[in-house]
Amino acid sequence: MKKYLFICQHNFIRSRYGAEFFRGFLKGENKEGKVYSAGLGFISIFFGRRVNKRLLHKMNWIFVMEKYMKDYLICKFEIDEKKIVILNIKDIYWPGNSKDVDDLDKLLENKNFGKYL
């Protein structure tokens, strides 16, 4: 079974929402997979999970929100860059804002996730 990880800075909004979206995508495609979310920053410890080498090396695909995150993972954890996908989703979203949820939905719907199944 493939494993997928969504990463943002704090594992507060973007990565969690991305993971939930992708779970729905897998279900809609009738595919199985384990989907996780994590954050790069210290605060992510309080919001669920902070990235670490063990977690990262178990993943088939790692989705990061911004390019600097990919660079950080390659440099700090020696992750194969071929399994990291940059989603280009900026850190501008706030919890509870329905407009932000709609924006995230649109951004994620436009990603070609099918090639990662």
Protein backbone atom coordinates (compact mmCIF):
# COMPACT_ATOMS: atom_id res chain seq x y z
CA MET A 1 0.00 0.00 0.00
CA LYS A 2 1.37 3.40 -0.95
CA LYS A 3 2.00 6.04 1.66
CA TYR A 4 1.56 9.77 1.09
CA LEU A 5 2.65 12.71 3.23
CA PHE A 6 1.47 16.32 3.01
CA ILE A 7 3.79 18.89 4.58
CA CYS A 8 3.38 22.55 5.43
CA GLN A 9 5.13 24.75 7.97
CA HIS A 10 3.03 24.03 11.05
CA ASN A 11 0.74 21.11 10.11
CA PHE A 12 -2.14 23.37 10.95
CA ILE A 13 -4.13 24.08 7.79
CA ARG A 14 -2.56 23.36 4.40
CA SER A 15 -1.07 19.94 5.10
CA ARG A 16 -4.06 18.71 7.06
CA TYR A 17 -6.48 19.93 4.43
CA GLY A 18 -4.32 18.46 1.66
CA ALA A 19 -4.27 15.08 3.40
CA GLU A 20 -8.06 15.09 3.84
CA PHE A 21 -8.56 16.12 0.23
CA PHE A 22 -6.25 13.34 -0.97
CA ARG A 23 -8.04 10.72 1.14
CA GLY A 24 -11.24 11.72 -0.64
CA PHE A 25 -9.44 11.57 -3.97
CA LEU A 26 -8.23 8.02 -3.27
CA LYS A 27 -11.72 6.97 -2.26
CA GLY A 28 -13.16 8.47 -5.44
CA GLU A 29 -10.57 6.59 -7.50
CA ASN A 30 -11.30 3.36 -5.60
CA LYS A 31 -7.65 3.18 -4.49
CA GLU A 32 -6.12 2.40 -1.14
CA GLY A 33 -3.35 4.32 0.52
CA LYS A 34 -2.19 5.73 3.82
CA VAL A 35 -2.23 9.52 3.96
CA TYR A 36 -0.47 11.59 6.61
CA SER A 37 0.24 15.24 7.33
CA ALA A 38 3.15 16.87 9.12
CA GLY A 39 4.87 20.20 9.64
CA LEU A 40 8.42 21.43 9.41
CA GLY A 41 8.38 23.91 12.27
CA PHE A 42 8.56 23.40 16.01
CA ILE A 43 4.93 24.45 16.47
CA SER A 44 3.85 21.44 14.39
CA ILE A 45 4.54 19.26 17.44
CA PHE A 46 1.44 20.82 19.02
CA PHE A 47 -0.69 20.39 15.88
CA GLY A 48 -0.12 16.71 15.35
CA ARG A 49 3.19 15.72 13.81
CA ARG A 50 6.58 17.16 12.97
CA VAL A 51 8.59 15.70 10.08
CA ASN A 52 11.40 13.34 10.93
CA LYS A 53 13.72 11.08 8.97
CA ARG A 54 11.93 7.86 9.88
CA LEU A 55 8.55 9.19 8.76
CA LEU A 56 9.90 10.68 5.55
CA HIS A 57 11.73 7.58 4.39
CA LYS A 58 8.57 5.45 4.71
CA MET A 59 6.69 7.56 2.15
CA ASN A 60 6.18 6.82 -1.53
CA TRP A 61 5.21 10.44 -2.25
CA ILE A 62 5.74 13.64 -0.29
CA PHE A 63 3.68 16.71 -1.17
CA VAL A 64 5.09 20.02 0.04
CA MET A 65 3.35 23.36 -0.16
CA GLU A 66 6.33 25.50 -1.19
CA LYS A 67 9.71 25.04 -2.89
CA TYR A 68 11.80 25.91 0.18
CA MET A 69 10.23 22.90 1.89
CA LYS A 70 11.49 20.55 -0.81
CA ASP A 71 14.97 22.07 -0.56
CA TYR A 72 14.92 21.68 3.22
CA LEU A 73 13.90 18.00 3.05
CA ILE A 74 16.62 17.20 0.53
CA CYS A 75 19.31 19.04 2.49
CA LYS A 76 18.41 18.02 6.05
CA PHE A 77 16.99 14.52 5.55
CA GLU A 78 18.60 13.42 2.26
CA ILE A 79 15.23 12.61 0.69
CA ASP A 80 15.16 11.56 -2.96
CA GLU A 81 13.91 14.65 -4.76
CA LYS A 82 12.00 12.50 -7.26
CA LYS A 83 9.45 11.60 -4.61
CA ILE A 84 8.79 15.21 -3.55
CA VAL A 85 6.04 17.18 -5.27
CA ILE A 86 5.72 20.96 -4.86
CA LEU A 87 2.06 22.05 -4.76
CA ASN A 88 2.76 25.81 -4.77
CA ILE A 89 0.21 26.69 -2.12
CA LYS A 90 1.18 29.78 -0.14
CA ASP A 91 0.68 30.16 3.60
CA ILE A 92 -2.28 32.56 3.46
CA TYR A 93 -5.13 30.45 4.87
CA TRP A 94 -6.97 30.75 8.19
CA PRO A 95 -9.09 28.17 10.02
CA GLY A 96 -12.83 28.54 9.83
CA ASN A 97 -12.80 30.80 6.76
CA SER A 98 -15.09 29.19 4.16
CA LYS A 99 -13.54 31.25 1.34
CA ASP A 100 -10.14 29.77 2.20
CA VAL A 101 -11.59 26.25 2.10
CA ASP A 102 -13.08 26.95 -1.33
CA ASP A 103 -9.73 28.32 -2.54
CA LEU A 104 -7.85 25.28 -1.26
CA ASP A 105 -10.38 22.97 -2.90
CA LYS A 106 -9.89 24.71 -6.25
CA LEU A 107 -6.10 24.62 -5.98
CA LEU A 108 -6.05 20.94 -5.09
CA GLU A 109 -8.63 19.97 -7.71
CA ASN A 110 -6.31 21.39 -10.37
CA LYS A 111 -3.41 19.14 -9.34
CA ASN A 112 -2.86 15.99 -11.36
CA PHE A 113 -2.85 13.57 -8.42
CA GLY A 114 -3.69 10.62 -10.67
CA LYS A 115 -0.07 10.16 -11.67
CA TYR A 116 0.89 9.44 -8.04
CA LEU A 117 -1.43 6.48 -7.54
